[in-house]
Protein backbone atom coordinates (compact mmCIF):
# COMPACT_ATOMS: atom_id res chain seq x y z
CA UNK A 1 11.54 6.29 2.28
CA UNK A 2 11.49 7.79 -1.23
CA UNK A 3 8.03 7.72 -2.66
CA UNK A 4 9.00 8.11 -6.32
CA UNK A 5 12.21 6.05 -6.27
CA UNK A 6 10.89 2.56 -5.63
CA UNK A 7 10.75 0.20 -8.65
CA UNK A 8 6.97 -0.18 -8.30
CA UNK A 9 6.33 3.57 -8.19
CA UNK A 10 8.78 4.25 -11.02
CA UNK A 11 7.02 1.73 -13.22
CA UNK A 12 3.75 3.51 -12.40
CA UNK A 13 5.29 6.80 -13.46
CA UNK A 14 6.36 5.29 -16.77
CA UNK A 15 2.80 4.11 -17.29
CA UNK A 16 1.55 7.65 -16.66
CA UNK A 17 3.84 8.83 -19.43
CA UNK A 18 2.35 6.25 -21.78
CA UNK A 19 -1.15 7.34 -20.85
CA UNK A 20 -0.42 11.04 -21.06
CA UNK A 21 1.55 12.71 -18.30
CA UNK A 22 0.13 15.53 -16.26
CA UNK A 23 2.90 17.61 -17.76
CA UNK A 24 1.97 16.81 -21.35
CA UNK A 25 0.11 19.97 -22.10
CA UNK A 26 0.82 23.25 -23.82
CA UNK A 27 -0.12 25.17 -26.98
CA UNK A 28 2.70 23.79 -29.18
CA UNK A 29 4.17 20.34 -29.58
CA UNK A 30 7.65 21.53 -28.54
CA UNK A 31 6.23 23.12 -25.41
CA UNK A 32 4.40 19.89 -24.57
CA UNK A 33 7.63 17.93 -24.84
CA UNK A 34 9.60 20.47 -22.81
CA UNK A 35 6.94 20.50 -20.11
CA UNK A 36 6.91 16.72 -20.04
CA UNK A 37 10.66 16.48 -19.52
CA UNK A 38 10.45 19.14 -16.80
CA UNK A 39 7.83 17.10 -14.98
CA UNK A 40 9.89 13.92 -15.21
CA UNK A 41 13.00 15.75 -13.99
CA UNK A 42 11.07 17.09 -10.98
CA UNK A 43 9.99 13.50 -10.28
CA UNK A 44 13.58 12.23 -10.26
CA UNK A 45 13.94 10.94 -13.82
CA UNK A 46 16.01 11.91 -16.83
CA UNK A 47 14.03 11.85 -20.09
CA UNK A 48 15.49 12.15 -23.58
CA UNK A 49 14.42 11.52 -27.18
CA UNK A 50 15.43 12.22 -30.75
CA UNK A 51 13.23 15.04 -32.11
CA UNK A 52 12.28 15.72 -35.73
CA UNK A 53 9.68 17.99 -37.33
CA UNK A 54 7.36 16.72 -40.06
CA UNK A 55 4.83 19.43 -40.83
CA UNK A 56 2.51 19.79 -37.86
CA UNK A 57 4.04 16.71 -36.22
CA UNK A 58 6.85 16.59 -33.69
CA UNK A 59 8.10 13.01 -34.01
CA UNK A 60 9.87 11.60 -30.97
CA UNK A 61 11.97 8.46 -31.39
CA UNK A 62 14.35 6.52 -29.12
CA UNK A 63 12.49 7.82 -26.07
CA UNK A 64 14.35 6.98 -22.85
CA UNK A 65 13.45 7.49 -19.20
CA UNK A 66 16.09 6.68 -16.57
CA UNK A 67 16.19 6.80 -12.79
CA UNK A 68 18.51 5.62 -10.05
CA UNK A 69 17.26 4.00 -6.85
CA UNK A 70 19.86 5.19 -4.30
CA UNK A 71 18.95 2.77 -1.51
CA UNK A 72 19.67 -0.23 -3.73
CA UNK A 73 22.16 1.35 -6.17
CA UNK A 74 19.93 0.16 -9.01
CA UNK A 75 19.40 1.92 -12.33
CA UNK A 76 16.12 1.43 -14.17
CA UNK A 77 15.67 2.60 -17.75
CA UNK A 78 12.60 2.46 -19.98
CA UNK A 79 12.96 3.02 -23.72
CA UNK A 80 10.14 3.38 -26.25
CA UNK A 81 10.33 3.39 -30.01
CA UNK A 82 8.19 6.30 -31.16
CA UNK A 83 5.35 8.69 -30.44
CA UNK A 84 4.06 11.86 -32.10
CA UNK A 85 2.88 15.24 -30.79
CA UNK A 86 0.67 17.01 -33.36
CA UNK A 87 -0.15 20.71 -33.47
CA UNK A 88 -3.83 20.91 -34.35
CA UNK A 89 -3.72 24.57 -35.40
CA UNK A 90 -6.22 25.70 -32.79
CA UNK A 91 -4.00 25.92 -29.72
CA UNK A 92 -4.33 22.24 -28.86
CA UNK A 93 -1.92 19.33 -29.23
CA UNK A 94 -2.76 15.66 -29.84
CA UNK A 95 -0.66 12.84 -28.40
CA UNK A 96 -0.44 9.94 -30.83
CA UNK A 97 0.85 6.42 -30.18
CA UNK A 98 1.16 3.66 -32.75
CA UNK A 99 -1.30 0.83 -32.12
CA UNK A 100 1.67 -1.28 -31.05
CA UNK A 101 4.53 0.51 -29.33
CA UNK A 102 7.69 -1.56 -28.63
CA UNK A 103 9.40 -0.76 -25.33
CA UNK A 104 12.24 -2.13 -23.21
CA UNK A 105 12.85 -2.01 -19.48
CA UNK A 106 16.46 -2.45 -18.32
CA UNK A 107 17.48 -3.01 -14.69
CA UNK A 108 21.16 -2.72 -13.77
CA UNK A 109 22.87 -3.25 -10.42
CA UNK A 110 26.61 -3.36 -9.58
CA UNK A 111 28.02 -6.88 -9.67
CA UNK A 112 24.94 -8.34 -11.37
CA UNK A 113 24.07 -9.08 -14.97
CA UNK A 114 21.74 -6.49 -16.49
CA UNK A 115 18.19 -7.63 -17.19
CA UNK A 116 16.29 -6.41 -20.25
CA UNK A 117 12.56 -6.96 -20.64
CA UNK A 118 11.17 -6.31 -24.12
CA UNK A 119 7.44 -5.62 -24.23
CA UNK A 120 4.69 -4.33 -26.48
CA UNK A 121 2.33 -1.56 -25.42
CA UNK A 122 -0.91 -1.64 -27.40
CA UNK A 123 -3.83 0.78 -27.66
CA UNK A 124 -7.21 0.71 -29.36
CA UNK A 125 -9.12 3.92 -30.13
CA UNK A 126 -6.53 6.00 -28.29
CA UNK A 127 -7.22 9.75 -28.15
CA UNK A 128 -5.41 12.41 -26.12
CA UNK A 129 -5.85 16.17 -26.40
CA UNK A 130 -3.88 18.86 -24.60
CA UNK A 131 -5.17 22.40 -24.20
CA UNK A 132 -4.85 25.44 -21.96
CA UNK A 133 -2.61 28.40 -21.30
CA UNK A 134 1.10 28.33 -20.50
CA UNK A 135 1.50 27.47 -16.86
CA UNK A 136 -2.04 26.14 -16.53
CA UNK A 137 -2.59 23.14 -18.77
CA UNK A 138 -5.45 20.67 -19.12
CA UNK A 139 -5.73 17.48 -21.12
CA UNK A 140 -8.05 14.54 -21.53
CA UNK A 141 -7.40 11.05 -22.87
CA UNK A 142 -9.27 7.82 -23.49
CA UNK A 143 -8.96 4.39 -25.06
CA UNK A 144 -11.32 1.49 -25.54
CA UNK A 145 -8.44 -0.76 -24.48
CA UNK A 146 -4.77 -0.69 -23.60
CA UNK A 147 -2.50 -3.65 -23.12
CA UNK A 148 1.03 -4.65 -22.18
CA UNK A 149 2.64 -7.93 -23.28
CA UNK A 150 6.11 -9.14 -22.34
CA UNK A 151 7.83 -10.42 -25.49
CA UNK A 152 11.36 -11.35 -24.43
CA UNK A 153 13.70 -11.40 -21.44
CA UNK A 154 17.45 -10.98 -21.86
CA UNK A 155 20.00 -11.70 -19.11
CA UNK A 156 23.72 -11.17 -19.80
CA UNK A 157 23.06 -11.06 -23.56
CA UNK A 158 21.23 -14.41 -23.48
CA UNK A 159 17.74 -13.88 -24.88
CA UNK A 160 14.73 -15.92 -23.90
CA UNK A 161 11.52 -15.34 -25.88
CA UNK A 162 8.33 -15.54 -23.83
CA UNK A 163 6.94 -17.96 -26.40
CA UNK A 164 9.42 -20.51 -25.04
CA UNK A 165 8.27 -20.30 -21.43
CA UNK A 166 4.71 -18.94 -21.41
CA UNK A 167 3.16 -15.49 -21.33
CA UNK A 168 2.79 -12.31 -19.28
CA UNK A 169 -0.01 -9.93 -20.25
CA UNK A 170 -2.02 -7.02 -18.88
CA UNK A 171 -5.24 -5.64 -20.36
CA UNK A 172 -7.34 -2.61 -19.36
CA UNK A 173 -10.66 -1.71 -20.98
CA UNK A 174 -12.49 1.62 -21.30
CA UNK A 175 -9.80 3.93 -20.00
CA UNK A 176 -10.72 7.58 -19.43
CA UNK A 177 -8.71 10.27 -17.70
CA UNK A 178 -8.21 13.98 -17.22
CA UNK A 179 -5.39 16.03 -15.76
CA UNK A 180 -4.41 19.54 -14.93
CA UNK A 181 -0.93 20.91 -14.32
CA UNK A 182 0.33 24.24 -13.07
CA UNK A 183 3.94 25.35 -13.38
CA UNK A 184 5.86 27.36 -10.82
CA UNK A 185 8.32 26.85 -7.97
CA UNK A 186 6.05 23.90 -7.15
CA UNK A 187 4.91 21.86 -10.12
CA UNK A 188 1.29 21.05 -9.21
CA UNK A 189 -0.66 18.23 -10.82
CA UNK A 190 -4.14 16.76 -10.39
CA UNK A 191 -5.28 13.63 -12.17
CA UNK A 192 -8.31 11.32 -12.32
CA UNK A 193 -8.51 7.96 -14.11
CA UNK A 194 -11.35 5.48 -14.45
CA UNK A 195 -11.32 2.13 -16.24
CA UNK A 196 -13.52 -0.79 -17.06
CA UNK A 197 -12.40 -4.38 -16.66
CA UNK A 198 -8.77 -5.11 -15.82
CA UNK A 199 -7.19 -8.52 -16.36
CA UNK A 200 -3.69 -9.94 -16.11
CA UNK A 201 -1.99 -13.29 -16.43
CA UNK A 202 1.52 -14.63 -15.87
CA UNK A 203 1.86 -18.24 -17.00
CA UNK A 204 5.47 -19.44 -17.07
CA UNK A 205 7.41 -22.68 -16.91
CA UNK A 206 11.00 -23.26 -15.85
CA UNK A 207 13.25 -22.19 -18.77
CA UNK A 208 15.86 -24.79 -17.80
CA UNK A 209 13.50 -27.62 -18.71
CA UNK A 210 12.29 -28.52 -15.23
CA UNK A 211 8.62 -29.38 -14.76
CA UNK A 212 7.75 -26.40 -12.54
CA UNK A 213 4.93 -24.09 -13.66
CA UNK A 214 3.57 -20.89 -12.14
CA UNK A 215 0.24 -19.34 -13.13
CA UNK A 216 -0.91 -16.03 -11.62
CA UNK A 217 -4.05 -14.45 -13.01
CA UNK A 218 -6.74 -12.08 -11.90
CA UNK A 219 -8.17 -8.64 -12.36
CA UNK A 220 -11.04 -6.37 -11.42
CA UNK A 221 -14.35 -5.19 -12.81
CA UNK A 222 -13.23 -1.57 -12.68
CA UNK A 223 -10.80 0.93 -11.19
CA UNK A 224 -10.93 4.55 -10.06
CA UNK A 225 -7.90 6.61 -9.13
CA UNK A 226 -7.27 10.22 -8.18
CA UNK A 227 -4.07 11.98 -7.19
CA UNK A 228 -2.81 15.48 -6.54
CA UNK A 229 0.85 16.32 -6.09
CA UNK A 230 3.20 19.26 -5.67
CA UNK A 231 6.80 18.75 -6.82
CA UNK A 232 9.65 21.23 -6.28
CA UNK A 233 11.11 21.74 -9.75
CA UNK A 234 14.69 21.83 -8.40
CA UNK A 235 14.17 19.07 -5.81
CA UNK A 236 16.22 15.92 -5.33
CA UNK A 237 14.10 12.81 -4.92
CA UNK A 238 17.05 11.09 -3.21
CA UNK A 239 16.66 13.60 -0.35
CA UNK A 240 12.99 13.41 0.60
CA UNK A 241 13.51 15.30 3.86
CA UNK A 242 14.68 18.33 1.85
CA UNK A 243 11.86 17.83 -0.65
CA UNK A 244 9.30 17.99 2.15
CA UNK A 245 10.85 21.26 3.37
CA UNK A 246 10.54 22.64 -0.18
CA UNK A 247 6.81 21.87 -0.25
CA UNK A 248 6.60 18.37 -1.71
CA UNK A 249 3.21 16.72 -1.19
CA UNK A 250 1.21 13.87 -2.65
CA UNK A 251 -2.33 12.69 -1.96
CA UNK A 252 -3.57 9.67 -3.89
CA UNK A 253 -6.41 7.18 -3.76
CA UNK A 254 -6.98 3.98 -5.70
CA UNK A 255 -10.07 1.77 -5.60
CA UNK A 256 -11.15 -1.45 -7.30
CA UNK A 257 -14.51 -3.17 -7.74
CA UNK A 258 -14.77 -6.95 -7.90
CA UNK A 259 -11.07 -7.84 -7.53
CA UNK A 260 -9.78 -11.40 -7.85
CA UNK A 261 -6.48 -13.30 -7.81
CA UNK A 262 -5.68 -16.93 -8.49
CA UNK A 263 -2.22 -18.45 -8.06
CA UNK A 264 -1.15 -22.00 -8.90
CA UNK A 265 2.35 -23.41 -8.55
CA UNK A 266 3.08 -26.98 -9.51
CA UNK A 267 6.30 -28.96 -9.59
CA UNK A 268 7.05 -32.61 -8.79
CA UNK A 269 6.38 -33.11 -5.09
CA UNK A 270 5.19 -29.56 -4.43
CA UNK A 271 1.83 -27.90 -5.13
CA UNK A 272 0.50 -24.55 -3.91
CA UNK A 273 -2.85 -22.97 -4.73
CA UNK A 274 -4.38 -19.68 -3.60
CA UNK A 275 -7.57 -17.87 -4.56
CA UNK A 276 -8.76 -14.48 -3.33
CA UNK A 277 -11.64 -12.21 -4.24
CA UNK A 278 -13.18 -9.05 -2.84
CA UNK A 279 -16.29 -7.01 -3.51
CA UNK A 280 -14.26 -3.80 -3.30
CA UNK A 281 -10.90 -2.52 -2.10
CA UNK A 282 -9.27 0.87 -1.53
CA UNK A 283 -5.76 2.21 -1.04
CA UNK A 284 -4.85 5.73 0.06
CA UNK A 285 -1.48 7.44 0.50
CA UNK A 286 -0.80 10.98 1.69
CA UNK A 287 2.58 12.55 2.39
CA UNK A 288 3.39 16.17 3.14
CA UNK A 289 4.95 18.33 5.84
CA UNK A 290 2.23 17.27 8.29
CA UNK A 291 3.12 13.59 8.02
CA UNK A 292 2.59 10.31 6.24
CA UNK A 293 -0.73 8.44 6.07
CA UNK A 294 -1.59 5.01 4.69
CA UNK A 295 -5.02 3.45 4.49
CA UNK A 296 -6.11 0.04 3.23
CA UNK A 297 -9.68 -1.26 3.19
CA UNK A 298 -11.59 -4.12 1.62
CA UNK A 299 -15.11 -5.53 1.76
CA UNK A 300 -16.42 -9.00 1.05
CA UNK A 301 -13.08 -10.83 1.05
CA UNK A 302 -12.73 -14.58 0.51
CA UNK A 303 -9.41 -16.41 0.66
CA UNK A 304 -8.70 -20.10 0.07
CA UNK A 305 -5.35 -21.92 0.37
CA UNK A 306 -4.30 -25.47 -0.46
CA UNK A 307 -1.05 -27.22 -1.14
CA UNK A 308 1.46 -29.90 -0.33
CA UNK A 309 2.65 -28.19 2.88
CA UNK A 310 -0.89 -27.27 3.99
CA UNK A 311 -2.47 -30.24 5.83
CA UNK A 312 -6.04 -29.33 4.86
CA UNK A 313 -7.72 -26.75 2.63
CA UNK A 314 -8.06 -23.37 4.33
CA UNK A 315 -11.04 -21.13 3.60
CA UNK A 316 -11.50 -17.81 5.40
CA UNK A 317 -13.60 -14.73 4.81
CA UNK A 318 -14.01 -11.22 6.19
CA UNK A 319 -16.76 -8.79 5.36
CA UNK A 320 -14.86 -5.67 6.42
CA UNK A 321 -11.10 -5.25 6.80
CA UNK A 322 -9.10 -2.08 7.18
CA UNK A 323 -5.80 -0.59 8.28
CA UNK A 324 -5.00 3.07 8.77
CA UNK A 325 -1.80 4.71 9.98
CA UNK A 326 -0.89 8.37 10.32
CA UNK A 327 2.54 9.41 11.62
CA UNK A 328 4.65 12.58 11.57
CA UNK A 329 7.83 12.48 9.47
CA UNK A 330 9.57 15.80 10.21
CA UNK A 331 11.20 16.90 13.45
CA UNK A 332 9.39 19.74 15.21
CA UNK A 333 9.52 21.40 18.61
CA UNK A 334 5.75 21.13 19.06
CA UNK A 335 3.72 17.96 19.60
CA UNK A 336 2.40 16.20 16.51
CA UNK A 337 -0.59 13.83 16.24
CA UNK A 338 -0.55 10.18 15.18
CA UNK A 339 -3.21 7.51 14.86
CA UNK A 340 -3.68 3.79 14.21
CA UNK A 341 -6.87 1.98 13.16
CA UNK A 342 -7.26 -1.76 12.57
CA UNK A 343 -10.49 -3.51 11.57
CA UNK A 344 -11.23 -7.18 11.00
CA UNK A 345 -15.00 -7.41 10.79
CA UNK A 346 -17.10 -10.58 10.53
CA UNK A 347 -14.09 -12.87 10.17
CA UNK A 348 -15.09 -16.49 9.56
CA UNK A 349 -13.44 -19.83 8.80
CA UNK A 350 -14.85 -22.82 6.95
CA UNK A 351 -16.91 -25.53 8.63
CA UNK A 352 -14.07 -27.98 7.95
CA UNK A 353 -11.72 -26.03 10.21
CA UNK A 354 -14.44 -25.64 12.84
CA UNK A 355 -15.04 -29.39 12.83
CA UNK A 356 -11.40 -30.02 13.65
CA UNK A 357 -11.33 -27.45 16.46
CA UNK A 358 -14.80 -28.12 17.84
CA UNK A 359 -16.16 -31.46 16.55
CA UNK A 360 -19.07 -31.46 19.03
CA UNK A 361 -20.19 -27.91 18.10
CA UNK A 362 -19.94 -26.49 21.60
CA UNK A 363 -18.70 -23.09 20.45
CA UNK A 364 -20.89 -20.56 18.60
CA UNK A 365 -19.95 -20.32 14.94
CA UNK A 366 -20.62 -16.57 14.81
CA UNK A 367 -18.03 -14.56 12.82
CA UNK A 368 -15.35 -12.87 14.90
CA UNK A 369 -14.62 -9.14 14.99
CA UNK A 370 -11.53 -7.17 16.00
CA UNK A 371 -11.34 -3.38 15.99
CA UNK A 372 -8.60 -1.20 17.46
CA UNK A 373 -8.47 2.58 17.33
CA UNK A 374 -5.76 4.75 18.87
CA UNK A 375 -4.81 8.42 18.66
CA UNK A 376 -2.04 10.29 20.41
CA UNK A 377 0.61 12.94 20.32
CA UNK A 378 4.37 12.68 20.10
CA UNK A 379 7.39 14.87 19.64
CA UNK A 380 9.47 13.71 16.70
CA UNK A 381 13.15 14.43 17.28
CA UNK A 382 14.47 13.37 13.86
CA UNK A 383 13.49 13.55 10.20
CA UNK A 384 12.65 9.91 9.51
CA UNK A 385 13.09 10.40 5.74
CA UNK A 386 16.74 11.39 6.20
CA UNK A 387 18.94 8.35 5.31
CA UNK A 388 21.80 9.37 7.62
CA UNK A 389 19.42 9.74 10.56
CA UNK A 390 17.82 6.37 9.87
CA UNK A 391 21.25 4.74 9.79
CA UNK A 392 22.00 6.16 13.24
CA UNK A 393 18.67 4.90 14.53
CA UNK A 394 19.58 1.36 13.46
CA UNK A 395 22.66 1.48 15.70
CA UNK A 396 20.63 2.79 18.63
CA UNK A 397 22.59 6.05 18.82
CA UNK A 398 19.59 8.27 18.10
CA UNK A 399 16.26 8.51 19.92
CA UNK A 400 13.56 8.96 17.27
CA UNK A 401 10.96 10.70 19.40
CA UNK A 402 8.94 11.05 22.58
CA UNK A 403 5.48 9.67 23.28
CA UNK A 404 3.36 12.25 25.13
CA UNK A 405 -0.23 10.98 25.02
CA UNK A 406 -2.19 7.93 23.91
CA UNK A 407 -5.95 7.38 23.78
CA UNK A 408 -7.60 4.06 23.01
CA UNK A 409 -10.71 5.29 21.22
CA UNK A 410 -12.02 1.88 20.23
CA UNK A 411 -11.27 -1.66 21.37
CA UNK A 412 -13.51 -4.58 20.51
CA UNK A 413 -12.75 -8.29 20.37
CA UNK A 414 -15.72 -10.56 19.71
CA UNK A 415 -15.35 -14.31 19.14
CA UNK A 416 -16.90 -17.66 20.14
CA UNK A 417 -19.65 -16.06 22.22
CA UNK A 418 -17.41 -13.71 24.24
CA UNK A 419 -16.86 -9.99 23.78
CA UNK A 420 -14.24 -7.63 25.16
CA UNK A 421 -14.75 -3.85 24.95
CA UNK A 422 -12.39 -1.16 26.13
CA UNK A 423 -11.19 2.43 26.02
CA UNK A 424 -9.02 4.84 27.95
CA UNK A 425 -6.28 7.44 27.78
CA UNK A 426 -2.80 8.07 29.16
CA UNK A 427 -0.25 10.85 29.30
CA UNK A 428 3.50 10.22 29.55
CA UNK A 429 6.23 12.03 31.48
CA UNK A 430 9.35 11.89 29.33
CA UNK A 431 11.47 13.41 32.10
CA UNK A 432 10.93 10.24 34.19
CA UNK A 433 12.51 7.19 32.55
CA UNK A 434 13.31 5.31 35.77
CA UNK A 435 9.96 4.65 37.52
CA UNK A 436 8.80 2.26 34.79
CA UNK A 437 12.13 0.78 33.76
CA UNK A 438 13.15 3.01 30.88
CA UNK A 439 9.76 4.00 29.47
CA UNK A 440 8.20 7.43 30.06
CA UNK A 441 6.09 7.35 33.22
CA UNK A 442 2.37 6.98 32.26
CA UNK A 443 -0.64 8.43 34.02
CA UNK A 444 -4.19 7.46 33.09
CA UNK A 445 -6.70 4.64 33.10
CA UNK A 446 -8.14 1.93 30.88
CA UNK A 447 -11.75 0.73 31.20
CA UNK A 448 -12.51 -2.84 30.12
CA UNK A 449 -15.66 -4.95 30.06
CA UNK A 450 -15.93 -8.65 29.28
CA UNK A 451 -19.12 -10.58 28.57
CA UNK A 452 -19.35 -14.34 28.09
CA UNK A 453 -15.82 -14.94 29.33
CA UNK A 454 -16.60 -17.58 31.94
CA UNK A 455 -18.96 -19.38 29.58
CA UNK A 456 -16.27 -19.56 26.92
CA UNK A 457 -13.75 -20.80 29.48
CA UNK A 458 -16.12 -23.58 30.58
CA UNK A 459 -16.59 -24.71 26.97
CA UNK A 460 -12.85 -24.75 26.33
CA UNK A 461 -12.36 -26.94 29.41
CA UNK A 462 -15.15 -29.32 28.28
CA UNK A 463 -13.53 -29.55 24.85
CA UNK A 464 -10.19 -30.47 26.45
CA UNK A 465 -8.40 -27.47 24.99
CA UNK A 466 -7.61 -25.99 28.43
CA UNK A 467 -6.86 -28.09 31.58
CA UNK A 468 -9.12 -27.43 34.55
CA UNK A 469 -6.13 -26.29 36.62
CA UNK A 470 -5.16 -23.66 34.07
CA UNK A 471 -8.77 -22.47 33.86
CA UNK A 472 -8.77 -22.01 37.64
CA UNK A 473 -5.72 -19.79 37.35
CA UNK A 474 -7.44 -17.70 34.68
CA UNK A 475 -10.52 -17.28 36.88
CA UNK A 476 -8.31 -16.21 39.78
CA UNK A 477 -6.70 -13.52 37.62
CA UNK A 478 -10.10 -12.29 36.43
CA UNK A 479 -11.23 -12.06 40.05
CA UNK A 480 -8.15 -10.03 40.91
CA UNK A 481 -8.46 -7.52 38.08
CA UNK A 482 -12.23 -7.38 37.51
CA UNK A 483 -15.55 -7.09 39.34
CA UNK A 484 -18.90 -8.63 38.31
CA UNK A 485 -21.11 -6.52 36.06
CA UNK A 486 -24.86 -6.00 36.24
CA UNK A 487 -25.68 -8.78 33.73
CA UNK A 488 -24.84 -12.48 34.12
CA UNK A 489 -21.34 -13.53 33.08
CA UNK A 490 -20.06 -9.99 32.72
CA UNK A 491 -16.92 -8.48 34.24
CA UNK A 492 -15.77 -4.87 34.44
CA UNK A 493 -12.33 -3.56 35.16
CA UNK A 494 -10.71 -0.15 35.49
CA UNK A 495 -6.92 -0.24 35.41
CA UNK A 496 -5.43 3.01 36.66
CA UNK A 497 -1.74 3.86 36.37
CA UNK A 498 -0.17 6.70 38.32
CA UNK A 499 3.04 8.41 37.37
CA UNK A 500 4.65 7.53 40.71
CA UNK A 501 4.64 3.84 39.76
CA UNK A 502 1.43 2.78 41.50
CA UNK A 503 -1.12 0.67 39.59
CA UNK A 504 -4.71 0.10 40.71
CA UNK A 505 -7.40 -2.33 39.54
CA UNK A 506 -10.90 -1.19 40.47
CA UNK A 507 -9.48 0.99 43.26
CA UNK A 508 -7.30 -1.79 44.72
CA UNK A 509 -3.60 -1.25 44.52
CA UNK A 510 -1.80 -4.12 42.77
CA UNK A 511 1.61 -2.45 42.42
């Protein structure tokens, strides 16, 4: 994985440059430009421009930013027409864009025709001021609106104006941001951005004259983002394992309020429609020597699907969804922690779907919930960001690591009137790979409790979804692995695993 060398992340970095990079700060215009190019170089990009002095202004034209994505052998280049850095005479520098800034994005790959996308970057009431001391720079910027419009697409020298096929536009209102950068062996940056309403639309038809049309539109009521990073100035983004050893780190968070998305695709004989909305959503990414962490969360989600290949409209909702993963990325002799969290809270489907599954309303319509939480320790034997190591892992020649402990901190499944709860912990003996058929021998126990299970099984039999004979087999298995609880229709079970290969259920040996 290379955090800064994916197309999506590179495009984000180009946008940061347009908004005012964390490196764009010093007491003279030339120093601002030099610091900017240093920052981009540390991030894996080459940045050039034609420079000319006009009084207090340093005018930059033919601005180009280029990067190579090693995994895909793809080169991406962004060129912009002009911008100006102005010495204000008081130790500050202003960053000035024209109200409309033409730019081009070119993507090249071996054996394929290059693709050029011409676009216009627009700003209203743009203001950016850079101040501070050398090596410790601060700037602020704002705009009442910024926008990006695709004007033309060129493939193998054949140009296609967007006016011939539709439009692709992005608009952001009430942008405000601040950044600080510190130079040294590690280039350290910290940035915060807030915005008002965000909207986008892609509305295109088939350029070959077919009747297909795709419309994707949506946005959010507002956005907040914050990020801190440390970049080795002499690092190589193509070798992230070495970058991590040099001190590379990034910690970013992005949140939206009132997000929405609507997609419509229509061609003769084929229709697809999708709508989504959420009250709020969050994304977090952290990567440093201690590991890699992702987190996703959303509240108040609604999703609807319809189309030619979907037999009936689908409407689902969830009040609370989340995913969190933390894993080590660098080989170490000592044990390293990891964790996994999954949440699907108050998940519900439409009454139409319920009526097909349960036309006589025998099952409770209560929303379902699923939560899973696990923590553990492992010994990582390889650097998973090293491309050569990952290639060996794909052939099965390299063992990535050893699992040493696992604790289920949270387990809850609640649906249709039944609820399963659980928790437990295990340790693993990596010197014993024979007792359990190739996996490290576990020792530990898992406690489970089930309420409403028999009642749910009876209803499923009455509905004809499960044959009586199969239900009898399920009840036999529950009797083998569980004992009745204190309350009606409750079952408890303790599954204990011993490292010598013996397994017990409620004190009775079953293996």
